[in-house]
All heavy atoms as atom14 arrays in JSON, in Angstrom:
{
  "sequence": "LKLKGIEYEYIVEDLRNKSELLLKSNPVYKKIPVLLHNDKAISESL",
  "atom14_mask": [
    [1, 1, 1, 1, 1, 1, 1, 1, 0, 0, 0, 0, 0, 0],
    [1, 1, 1, 1, 1, 1, 1, 1, 1, 0, 0, 0, 0, 0],
    [1, 1, 1, 1, 1, 1, 1, 1, 0, 0, 0, 0, 0, 0],
    [1, 1, 1, 1, 1, 1, 1, 1, 1, 0, 0, 0, 0, 0],
    [1, 1, 1, 1, 0, 0, 0, 0, 0, 0, 0, 0, 0, 0],
    [1, 1, 1, 1, 1, 1, 1, 1, 0, 0, 0, 0, 0, 0],
    [1, 1, 1, 1, 1, 1, 1, 1, 1, 0, 0, 0, 0, 0],
    [1, 1, 1, 1, 1, 1, 1, 1, 1, 1, 1, 1, 0, 0],
    [1, 1, 1, 1, 1, 1, 1, 1, 1, 0, 0, 0, 0, 0],
    [1, 1, 1, 1, 1, 1, 1, 1, 1, 1, 1, 1, 0, 0],
    [1, 1, 1, 1, 1, 1, 1, 1, 0, 0, 0, 0, 0, 0],
    [1, 1, 1, 1, 1, 1, 1, 0, 0, 0, 0, 0, 0, 0],
    [1, 1, 1, 1, 1, 1, 1, 1, 1, 0, 0, 0, 0, 0],
    [1, 1, 1, 1, 1, 1, 1, 1, 0, 0, 0, 0, 0, 0],
    [1, 1, 1, 1, 1, 1, 1, 1, 0, 0, 0, 0, 0, 0],
    [1, 1, 1, 1, 1, 1, 1, 1, 1, 1, 1, 0, 0, 0],
    [1, 1, 1, 1, 1, 1, 1, 1, 0, 0, 0, 0, 0, 0],
    [1, 1, 1, 1, 1, 1, 1, 1, 1, 0, 0, 0, 0, 0],
    [1, 1, 1, 1, 1, 1, 0, 0, 0, 0, 0, 0, 0, 0],
    [1, 1, 1, 1, 1, 1, 1, 1, 1, 0, 0, 0, 0, 0],
    [1, 1, 1, 1, 1, 1, 1, 1, 0, 0, 0, 0, 0, 0],
    [1, 1, 1, 1, 1, 1, 1, 1, 0, 0, 0, 0, 0, 0],
    [1, 1, 1, 1, 1, 1, 1, 1, 0, 0, 0, 0, 0, 0],
    [1, 1, 1, 1, 1, 1, 1, 1, 1, 0, 0, 0, 0, 0],
    [1, 1, 1, 1, 1, 1, 0, 0, 0, 0, 0, 0, 0, 0],
    [1, 1, 1, 1, 1, 1, 1, 1, 0, 0, 0, 0, 0, 0],
    [1, 1, 1, 1, 1, 1, 1, 0, 0, 0, 0, 0, 0, 0],
    [1, 1, 1, 1, 1, 1, 1, 0, 0, 0, 0, 0, 0, 0],
    [1, 1, 1, 1, 1, 1, 1, 1, 1, 1, 1, 1, 0, 0],
    [1, 1, 1, 1, 1, 1, 1, 1, 1, 0, 0, 0, 0, 0],
    [1, 1, 1, 1, 1, 1, 1, 1, 1, 0, 0, 0, 0, 0],
    [1, 1, 1, 1, 1, 1, 1, 1, 0, 0, 0, 0, 0, 0],
    [1, 1, 1, 1, 1, 1, 1, 0, 0, 0, 0, 0, 0, 0],
    [1, 1, 1, 1, 1, 1, 1, 0, 0, 0, 0, 0, 0, 0],
    [1, 1, 1, 1, 1, 1, 1, 1, 0, 0, 0, 0, 0, 0],
    [1, 1, 1, 1, 1, 1, 1, 1, 0, 0, 0, 0, 0, 0],
    [1, 1, 1, 1, 1, 1, 1, 1, 1, 1, 0, 0, 0, 0],
    [1, 1, 1, 1, 1, 1, 1, 1, 0, 0, 0, 0, 0, 0],
    [1, 1, 1, 1, 1, 1, 1, 1, 0, 0, 0, 0, 0, 0],
    [1, 1, 1, 1, 1, 1, 1, 1, 1, 0, 0, 0, 0, 0],
    [1, 1, 1, 1, 1, 0, 0, 0, 0, 0, 0, 0, 0, 0],
    [1, 1, 1, 1, 1, 1, 1, 1, 0, 0, 0, 0, 0, 0],
    [1, 1, 1, 1, 1, 1, 0, 0, 0, 0, 0, 0, 0, 0],
    [1, 1, 1, 1, 1, 1, 1, 1, 1, 0, 0, 0, 0, 0],
    [1, 1, 1, 1, 1, 1, 0, 0, 0, 0, 0, 0, 0, 0],
    [1, 1, 1, 1, 1, 1, 1, 1, 0, 0, 0, 0, 0, 0]
  ],
  "atom14_positions": [
    [[0.83, -1.21, 0.0], [0.0, 0.01, -0.02], [0.86, 1.26, 0.01], [0.56, 2.24, -0.7], [-0.93, 0.0, 1.21], [-2.05, -1.02, 1.2], [-2.77, -1.05, 2.55], [-3.07, -0.71, 0.09], [0.0, 0.0, 0.0], [0.0, 0.0, 0.0], [0.0, 0.0, 0.0], [0.0, 0.0, 0.0], [0.0, 0.0, 0.0], [0.0, 0.0, 0.0]],
    [[1.95, 1.24, 0.76], [2.82, 2.43, 0.83], [3.55, 2.63, -0.48], [3.76, 3.78, -0.9], [3.77, 2.28, 2.0], [3.1, 2.44, 3.35], [4.07, 2.44, 4.52], [3.35, 2.72, 5.8], [4.24, 2.82, 6.98], [0.0, 0.0, 0.0], [0.0, 0.0, 0.0], [0.0, 0.0, 0.0], [0.0, 0.0, 0.0], [0.0, 0.0, 0.0]],
    [[3.98, 1.57, -1.13], [4.6, 1.7, -2.42], [3.69, 2.29, -3.47], [4.11, 3.0, -4.37], [5.13, 0.33, -2.91], [6.34, -0.23, -2.21], [6.58, -1.67, -2.63], [7.58, 0.6, -2.47], [0.0, 0.0, 0.0], [0.0, 0.0, 0.0], [0.0, 0.0, 0.0], [0.0, 0.0, 0.0], [0.0, 0.0, 0.0], [0.0, 0.0, 0.0]],
    [[2.41, 2.03, -3.29], [1.39, 2.6, -4.2], [0.93, 3.98, -3.78], [0.22, 4.65, -4.54], [0.16, 1.66, -4.2], [0.39, 0.3, -4.83], [0.37, 0.37, -6.34], [0.34, -1.02, -6.96], [0.27, -0.94, -8.43], [0.0, 0.0, 0.0], [0.0, 0.0, 0.0], [0.0, 0.0, 0.0], [0.0, 0.0, 0.0], [0.0, 0.0, 0.0]],
    [[1.31, 4.41, -2.57], [0.91, 5.72, -2.08], [-0.57, 5.75, -1.67], [-1.24, 6.8, -1.77], [0.0, 0.0, 0.0], [0.0, 0.0, 0.0], [0.0, 0.0, 0.0], [0.0, 0.0, 0.0], [0.0, 0.0, 0.0], [0.0, 0.0, 0.0], [0.0, 0.0, 0.0], [0.0, 0.0, 0.0], [0.0, 0.0, 0.0], [0.0, 0.0, 0.0]],
    [[-1.08, 4.65, -1.18], [-2.49, 4.52, -0.82], [-2.68, 4.73, 0.67], [-2.0, 4.04, 1.49], [-3.05, 3.14, -1.21], [-2.91, 2.93, -2.74], [-4.53, 2.99, -0.79], [-3.1, 1.51, -3.17], [0.0, 0.0, 0.0], [0.0, 0.0, 0.0], [0.0, 0.0, 0.0], [0.0, 0.0, 0.0], [0.0, 0.0, 0.0], [0.0, 0.0, 0.0]],
    [[-3.53, 5.6, 1.09], [-3.83, 5.81, 2.49], [-4.73, 4.71, 2.99], [-5.59, 4.21, 2.27], [-4.47, 7.17, 2.71], [-3.55, 8.36, 2.38], [-4.18, 9.69, 2.73], [-5.33, 9.67, 3.25], [-3.55, 10.72, 2.49], [0.0, 0.0, 0.0], [0.0, 0.0, 0.0], [0.0, 0.0, 0.0], [0.0, 0.0, 0.0], [0.0, 0.0, 0.0]],
    [[-4.53, 4.32, 4.25], [-5.32, 3.25, 4.81], [-5.44, 3.4, 6.31], [-4.67, 4.1, 6.96], [-4.67, 1.89, 4.51], [-3.25, 1.74, 5.06], [-3.06, 1.16, 6.31], [-2.16, 2.16, 4.33], [-1.74, 1.04, 6.81], [-0.87, 2.03, 4.81], [-0.68, 1.47, 6.04], [0.59, 1.37, 6.55], [0.0, 0.0, 0.0], [0.0, 0.0, 0.0]],
    [[-6.45, 2.7, 6.86], [-6.64, 2.66, 8.3], [-6.16, 1.29, 8.78], [-6.48, 0.28, 8.18], [-8.12, 2.83, 8.65], [-8.42, 2.71, 10.14], [-9.9, 2.77, 10.47], [-10.68, 3.2, 9.59], [-10.27, 2.37, 11.59], [0.0, 0.0, 0.0], [0.0, 0.0, 0.0], [0.0, 0.0, 0.0], [0.0, 0.0, 0.0], [0.0, 0.0, 0.0]],
    [[-5.39, 1.3, 9.84], [-4.85, 0.03, 10.39], [-5.67, -0.36, 11.62], [-5.77, 0.41, 12.59], [-3.4, 0.19, 10.77], [-2.67, -1.12, 10.98], [-1.99, -1.72, 9.91], [-2.68, -1.79, 12.2], [-1.35, -2.95, 10.08], [-2.04, -3.0, 12.36], [-1.37, -3.57, 11.29], [-0.75, -4.77, 11.47], [0.0, 0.0, 0.0], [0.0, 0.0, 0.0]],
    [[-6.21, -1.57, 11.6], [-7.02, -2.09, 12.72], [-6.21, -3.19, 13.36], [-5.98, -4.25, 12.78], [-8.38, -2.62, 12.25], [-9.16, -1.5, 11.52], [-9.17, -3.17, 13.43], [-10.43, -2.0, 10.84], [0.0, 0.0, 0.0], [0.0, 0.0, 0.0], [0.0, 0.0, 0.0], [0.0, 0.0, 0.0], [0.0, 0.0, 0.0], [0.0, 0.0, 0.0]],
    [[-5.75, -2.96, 14.62], [-4.94, -3.92, 15.34], [-5.82, -5.05, 15.85], [-6.82, -4.8, 16.53], [-4.17, -3.27, 16.49], [-3.36, -4.32, 17.24], [-3.25, -2.17, 15.96], [0.0, 0.0, 0.0], [0.0, 0.0, 0.0], [0.0, 0.0, 0.0], [0.0, 0.0, 0.0], [0.0, 0.0, 0.0], [0.0, 0.0, 0.0], [0.0, 0.0, 0.0]],
    [[-5.46, -6.3, 15.53], [-6.23, -7.46, 15.93], [-5.58, -8.14, 17.12], [-4.35, -8.36, 17.13], [-6.35, -8.42, 14.76], [-7.17, -9.67, 15.05], [-8.64, -9.35, 15.3], [-9.16, -8.36, 14.73], [-9.27, -10.13, 16.05], [0.0, 0.0, 0.0], [0.0, 0.0, 0.0], [0.0, 0.0, 0.0], [0.0, 0.0, 0.0], [0.0, 0.0, 0.0]],
    [[-6.37, -8.5, 18.11], [-5.89, -9.28, 19.24], [-6.16, -10.77, 18.9], [-7.3, -11.22, 18.97], [-6.63, -8.89, 20.55], [-6.15, -9.67, 21.75], [-5.28, -10.56, 21.59], [-6.65, -9.43, 22.85], [0.0, 0.0, 0.0], [0.0, 0.0, 0.0], [0.0, 0.0, 0.0], [0.0, 0.0, 0.0], [0.0, 0.0, 0.0], [0.0, 0.0, 0.0]],
    [[-5.1, -11.48, 18.53], [-5.27, -12.84, 18.07], [-5.68, -13.81, 19.17], [-6.1, -14.93, 18.9], [-3.99, -13.31, 17.39], [-3.62, -12.54, 16.12], [-2.28, -13.02, 15.58], [-4.72, -12.65, 15.07], [0.0, 0.0, 0.0], [0.0, 0.0, 0.0], [0.0, 0.0, 0.0], [0.0, 0.0, 0.0], [0.0, 0.0, 0.0], [0.0, 0.0, 0.0]],
    [[-5.53, -13.38, 20.42], [-5.97, -14.24, 21.54], [-7.46, -14.06, 21.79], [-8.08, -14.88, 22.49], [-5.17, -13.9, 22.8], [-3.68, -14.24, 22.7], [-2.91, -13.64, 23.86], [-2.97, -12.18, 23.82], [-2.35, -11.39, 24.67], [-1.61, -11.88, 25.65], [-2.45, -10.06, 24.57], [0.0, 0.0, 0.0], [0.0, 0.0, 0.0], [0.0, 0.0, 0.0]],
    [[-8.04, -13.0, 21.27], [-9.45, -12.73, 21.45], [-9.97, -12.12, 20.16], [-10.18, -10.92, 20.05], [-9.68, -11.79, 22.63], [-11.15, -11.53, 22.91], [-12.01, -12.35, 22.6], [-11.44, -10.37, 23.48], [0.0, 0.0, 0.0], [0.0, 0.0, 0.0], [0.0, 0.0, 0.0], [0.0, 0.0, 0.0], [0.0, 0.0, 0.0], [0.0, 0.0, 0.0]],
    [[-10.15, -12.95, 19.14], [-10.45, -12.49, 17.79], [-11.76, -11.7, 17.74], [-12.78, -12.1, 18.31], [-10.47, -13.66, 16.83], [-9.1, -14.34, 16.73], [-9.12, -15.51, 15.75], [-7.71, -16.15, 15.7], [-7.67, -17.27, 14.78], [0.0, 0.0, 0.0], [0.0, 0.0, 0.0], [0.0, 0.0, 0.0], [0.0, 0.0, 0.0], [0.0, 0.0, 0.0]],
    [[-11.68, -10.59, 17.0], [-12.83, -9.69, 16.91], [-13.92, -10.24, 15.99], [-13.66, -11.08, 15.12], [-12.36, -8.33, 16.41], [-11.95, -8.44, 15.05], [0.0, 0.0, 0.0], [0.0, 0.0, 0.0], [0.0, 0.0, 0.0], [0.0, 0.0, 0.0], [0.0, 0.0, 0.0], [0.0, 0.0, 0.0], [0.0, 0.0, 0.0], [0.0, 0.0, 0.0]],
    [[-15.11, -9.72, 16.17], [-16.22, -10.05, 15.27], [-15.92, -9.62, 13.84], [-16.31, -10.28, 12.88], [-17.51, -9.41, 15.76], [-18.09, -10.04, 17.01], [-18.47, -11.49, 16.79], [-19.02, -11.8, 15.72], [-18.22, -12.31, 17.71], [0.0, 0.0, 0.0], [0.0, 0.0, 0.0], [0.0, 0.0, 0.0], [0.0, 0.0, 0.0], [0.0, 0.0, 0.0]],
    [[-15.2, -8.49, 13.72], [-14.86, -8.0, 12.38], [-13.96, -9.0, 11.65], [-14.17, -9.28, 10.47], [-14.15, -6.66, 12.48], [-13.71, -6.01, 11.17], [-14.9, -5.77, 10.26], [-12.95, -4.72, 11.41], [0.0, 0.0, 0.0], [0.0, 0.0, 0.0], [0.0, 0.0, 0.0], [0.0, 0.0, 0.0], [0.0, 0.0, 0.0], [0.0, 0.0, 0.0]],
    [[-12.97, -9.53, 12.34], [-12.07, -10.51, 11.71], [-12.85, -11.8, 11.35], [-12.71, -12.31, 10.25], [-10.91, -10.86, 12.63], [-9.97, -11.98, 12.13], [-9.31, -11.57, 10.82], [-8.92, -12.34, 13.17], [0.0, 0.0, 0.0], [0.0, 0.0, 0.0], [0.0, 0.0, 0.0], [0.0, 0.0, 0.0], [0.0, 0.0, 0.0], [0.0, 0.0, 0.0]],
    [[-13.66, -12.29, 12.29], [-14.39, -13.52, 12.05], [-15.39, -13.37, 10.89], [-15.62, -14.32, 10.13], [-15.12, -13.95, 13.31], [-14.2, -14.25, 14.5], [-15.03, -14.62, 15.73], [-13.23, -15.37, 14.16], [0.0, 0.0, 0.0], [0.0, 0.0, 0.0], [0.0, 0.0, 0.0], [0.0, 0.0, 0.0], [0.0, 0.0, 0.0], [0.0, 0.0, 0.0]],
    [[-15.94, -12.16, 10.77], [-16.85, -11.9, 9.68], [-16.13, -11.73, 8.35], [-16.6, -12.18, 7.29], [-17.65, -10.61, 9.97], [-18.6, -10.18, 8.88], [-19.27, -8.87, 9.21], [-20.15, -8.35, 8.05], [-20.75, -7.03, 8.33], [0.0, 0.0, 0.0], [0.0, 0.0, 0.0], [0.0, 0.0, 0.0], [0.0, 0.0, 0.0], [0.0, 0.0, 0.0]],
    [[-14.95, -11.08, 8.42], [-14.18, -10.77, 7.19], [-13.44, -11.98, 6.65], [-13.23, -12.08, 5.43], [-13.2, -9.63, 7.47], [-13.87, -8.48, 7.95], [0.0, 0.0, 0.0], [0.0, 0.0, 0.0], [0.0, 0.0, 0.0], [0.0, 0.0, 0.0], [0.0, 0.0, 0.0], [0.0, 0.0, 0.0], [0.0, 0.0, 0.0], [0.0, 0.0, 0.0]],
    [[-13.0, -12.89, 7.54], [-12.28, -14.08, 7.09], [-12.85, -15.29, 7.84], [-12.19, -15.86, 8.71], [-10.78, -13.91, 7.37], [-9.96, -15.03, 6.75], [-10.48, -15.94, 6.11], [-8.66, -14.97, 6.95], [0.0, 0.0, 0.0], [0.0, 0.0, 0.0], [0.0, 0.0, 0.0], [0.0, 0.0, 0.0], [0.0, 0.0, 0.0], [0.0, 0.0, 0.0]],
    [[-14.07, -15.68, 7.52], [-14.72, -16.75, 8.25], [-14.14, -18.13, 7.99], [-14.37, -19.08, 8.77], [-16.19, -16.7, 7.73], [-16.08, -16.1, 6.36], [-14.96, -15.11, 6.46], [0.0, 0.0, 0.0], [0.0, 0.0, 0.0], [0.0, 0.0, 0.0], [0.0, 0.0, 0.0], [0.0, 0.0, 0.0], [0.0, 0.0, 0.0], [0.0, 0.0, 0.0]],
    [[-13.38, -18.27, 6.91], [-12.79, -19.61, 6.58], [-11.58, -19.89, 7.43], [-11.52, -20.9, 8.13], [-12.43, -19.67, 5.09], [-11.76, -21.0, 4.77], [-13.68, -19.5, 4.22], [0.0, 0.0, 0.0], [0.0, 0.0, 0.0], [0.0, 0.0, 0.0], [0.0, 0.0, 0.0], [0.0, 0.0, 0.0], [0.0, 0.0, 0.0], [0.0, 0.0, 0.0]],
    [[-10.57, -18.99, 7.4], [-9.33, -19.23, 8.13], [-9.23, -18.47, 9.44], [-8.43, -18.81, 10.32], [-8.12, -18.87, 7.26], [-7.95, -19.78, 6.07], [-8.15, -19.31, 4.77], [-7.65, -21.14, 6.25], [-8.0, -20.16, 3.68], [-7.5, -21.96, 5.16], [-7.68, -21.5, 3.89], [-7.54, -22.34, 2.8], [0.0, 0.0, 0.0], [0.0, 0.0, 0.0]],
    [[-10.04, -17.39, 9.56], [-10.09, -16.62, 10.81], [-8.7, -16.1, 11.2], [-8.31, -16.12, 12.38], [-10.69, -17.47, 11.96], [-12.07, -18.03, 11.67], [-12.56, -18.87, 12.83], [-13.96, -19.39, 12.59], [-14.07, -20.28, 11.43], [0.0, 0.0, 0.0], [0.0, 0.0, 0.0], [0.0, 0.0, 0.0], [0.0, 0.0, 0.0], [0.0, 0.0, 0.0]],
    [[-7.93, -15.63, 10.22], [-6.59, -15.14, 10.53], [-6.33, -13.83, 9.77], [-7.03, -13.46, 8.84], [-5.56, -16.2, 10.2], [-5.48, -16.57, 8.75], [-4.39, -17.66, 8.51], [-4.25, -17.99, 7.03], [-3.22, -19.02, 6.8], [0.0, 0.0, 0.0], [0.0, 0.0, 0.0], [0.0, 0.0, 0.0], [0.0, 0.0, 0.0], [0.0, 0.0, 0.0]],
    [[-5.24, -13.18, 10.2], [-4.8, -11.95, 9.56], [-3.72, -12.26, 8.54], [-3.14, -13.33, 8.57], [-4.26, -10.97, 10.63], [-3.13, -11.64, 11.41], [-5.39, -10.48, 11.53], [-2.4, -10.7, 12.34], [0.0, 0.0, 0.0], [0.0, 0.0, 0.0], [0.0, 0.0, 0.0], [0.0, 0.0, 0.0], [0.0, 0.0, 0.0], [0.0, 0.0, 0.0]],
    [[-3.51, -11.29, 7.63], [-4.15, -10.0, 7.46], [-5.42, -10.14, 6.62], [-5.58, -11.09, 5.87], [-3.12, -9.15, 6.74], [-2.42, -10.17, 5.87], [-2.35, -11.43, 6.7], [0.0, 0.0, 0.0], [0.0, 0.0, 0.0], [0.0, 0.0, 0.0], [0.0, 0.0, 0.0], [0.0, 0.0, 0.0], [0.0, 0.0, 0.0], [0.0, 0.0, 0.0]],
    [[-6.26, -9.12, 6.75], [-7.42, -8.97, 5.85], [-7.42, -7.54, 5.35], [-7.21, -6.61, 6.12], [-8.76, -9.25, 6.57], [-9.92, -9.0, 5.63], [-8.8, -10.68, 7.09], [0.0, 0.0, 0.0], [0.0, 0.0, 0.0], [0.0, 0.0, 0.0], [0.0, 0.0, 0.0], [0.0, 0.0, 0.0], [0.0, 0.0, 0.0], [0.0, 0.0, 0.0]],
    [[-7.58, -7.37, 4.05], [-7.73, -6.05, 3.45], [-9.2, -5.79, 3.26], [-9.92, -6.64, 2.69], [-7.01, -5.96, 2.12], [-7.08, -4.59, 1.42], [-6.12, -3.61, 2.06], [-6.8, -4.75, -0.08], [0.0, 0.0, 0.0], [0.0, 0.0, 0.0], [0.0, 0.0, 0.0], [0.0, 0.0, 0.0], [0.0, 0.0, 0.0], [0.0, 0.0, 0.0]],
    [[-9.67, -4.64, 3.71], [-11.05, -4.22, 3.49], [-11.03, -3.04, 2.52], [-10.45, -2.0, 2.83], [-11.72, -3.82, 4.81], [-11.86, -4.92, 5.85], [-12.41, -4.35, 7.17], [-12.72, -6.07, 5.37], [0.0, 0.0, 0.0], [0.0, 0.0, 0.0], [0.0, 0.0, 0.0], [0.0, 0.0, 0.0], [0.0, 0.0, 0.0], [0.0, 0.0, 0.0]],
    [[-11.62, -3.2, 1.37], [-11.66, -2.14, 0.37], [-13.14, -1.9, 0.02], [-13.78, -2.73, -0.58], [-10.88, -2.53, -0.88], [-10.89, -1.49, -1.94], [-10.87, -1.79, -3.3], [-10.94, -0.13, -1.86], [-10.89, -0.69, -3.99], [-10.93, 0.34, -3.14], [0.0, 0.0, 0.0], [0.0, 0.0, 0.0], [0.0, 0.0, 0.0], [0.0, 0.0, 0.0]],
    [[-13.65, -0.75, 0.46], [-15.07, -0.45, 0.29], [-15.93, -1.59, 0.81], [-16.88, -2.03, 0.17], [-15.38, -0.19, -1.19], [-14.79, 1.12, -1.67], [-14.6, 2.05, -0.91], [-14.46, 1.18, -2.95], [0.0, 0.0, 0.0], [0.0, 0.0, 0.0], [0.0, 0.0, 0.0], [0.0, 0.0, 0.0], [0.0, 0.0, 0.0], [0.0, 0.0, 0.0]],
    [[-15.55, -2.1, 1.99], [-16.26, -3.15, 2.7], [-16.15, -4.55, 2.05], [-16.79, -5.48, 2.51], [-17.75, -2.8, 2.89], [-17.93, -1.57, 3.79], [-17.12, -1.41, 4.74], [-18.81, -0.77, 3.54], [0.0, 0.0, 0.0], [0.0, 0.0, 0.0], [0.0, 0.0, 0.0], [0.0, 0.0, 0.0], [0.0, 0.0, 0.0], [0.0, 0.0, 0.0]],
    [[-15.33, -4.65, 1.01], [-15.05, -5.97, 0.43], [-13.81, -6.52, 1.1], [-12.81, -5.82, 1.22], [-14.84, -5.88, -1.07], [-16.07, -5.46, -1.86], [-15.77, -5.44, -3.36], [-14.75, -4.38, -3.71], [-14.58, -4.26, -5.19], [0.0, 0.0, 0.0], [0.0, 0.0, 0.0], [0.0, 0.0, 0.0], [0.0, 0.0, 0.0], [0.0, 0.0, 0.0]],
    [[-13.89, -7.78, 1.56], [-12.78, -8.37, 2.31], [-11.95, -9.29, 1.42], [-12.48, -10.13, 0.7], [-13.31, -9.17, 3.5], [0.0, 0.0, 0.0], [0.0, 0.0, 0.0], [0.0, 0.0, 0.0], [0.0, 0.0, 0.0], [0.0, 0.0, 0.0], [0.0, 0.0, 0.0], [0.0, 0.0, 0.0], [0.0, 0.0, 0.0], [0.0, 0.0, 0.0]],
    [[-10.61, -9.08, 1.46], [-9.67, -9.95, 0.74], [-8.69, -10.51, 1.75], [-8.11, -9.77, 2.55], [-8.93, -9.19, -0.35], [-9.92, -8.55, -1.33], [-7.98, -10.13, -1.11], [-10.24, -7.1, -1.03], [0.0, 0.0, 0.0], [0.0, 0.0, 0.0], [0.0, 0.0, 0.0], [0.0, 0.0, 0.0], [0.0, 0.0, 0.0], [0.0, 0.0, 0.0]],
    [[-8.47, -11.83, 1.73], [-7.57, -12.49, 2.67], [-6.37, -13.1, 1.97], [-6.35, -13.2, 0.73], [-8.34, -13.63, 3.41], [-9.5, -13.12, 4.05], [0.0, 0.0, 0.0], [0.0, 0.0, 0.0], [0.0, 0.0, 0.0], [0.0, 0.0, 0.0], [0.0, 0.0, 0.0], [0.0, 0.0, 0.0], [0.0, 0.0, 0.0], [0.0, 0.0, 0.0]],
    [[-5.38, -13.5, 2.77], [-4.1, -14.08, 2.31], [-3.22, -13.0, 1.73], [-3.54, -12.4, 0.69], [-4.32, -15.21, 1.33], [-5.14, -16.37, 1.86], [-4.46, -17.05, 3.05], [-3.25, -17.33, 2.98], [-5.18, -17.34, 4.04], [0.0, 0.0, 0.0], [0.0, 0.0, 0.0], [0.0, 0.0, 0.0], [0.0, 0.0, 0.0], [0.0, 0.0, 0.0]],
    [[-2.07, -12.76, 2.34], [-1.22, -11.62, 2.05], [-0.8, -11.54, 0.59], [-0.84, -10.44, 0.0], [-0.03, -11.58, 2.97], [0.81, -12.71, 2.79], [0.0, 0.0, 0.0], [0.0, 0.0, 0.0], [0.0, 0.0, 0.0], [0.0, 0.0, 0.0], [0.0, 0.0, 0.0], [0.0, 0.0, 0.0], [0.0, 0.0, 0.0], [0.0, 0.0, 0.0]],
    [[-0.37, -12.63, -0.02], [0.08, -12.57, -1.39], [-1.05, -12.29, -2.36], [-0.89, -11.56, -3.36], [0.77, -13.9, -1.77], [2.11, -14.17, -1.04], [2.64, -15.56, -1.46], [3.12, -13.08, -1.3], [0.0, 0.0, 0.0], [0.0, 0.0, 0.0], [0.0, 0.0, 0.0], [0.0, 0.0, 0.0], [0.0, 0.0, 0.0], [0.0, 0.0, 0.0]]
  ]
}
């Protein structure tokens, strides 16, 4: 994102107590990172 010059909001996740947002955004693997772009969720860093 920084190489592209894109502004973003960073949401820190507590992996010991996973948030509803993470579970909703990545219901299959339930892990980070997740990118939210206009409320569309994309998982897996690569």
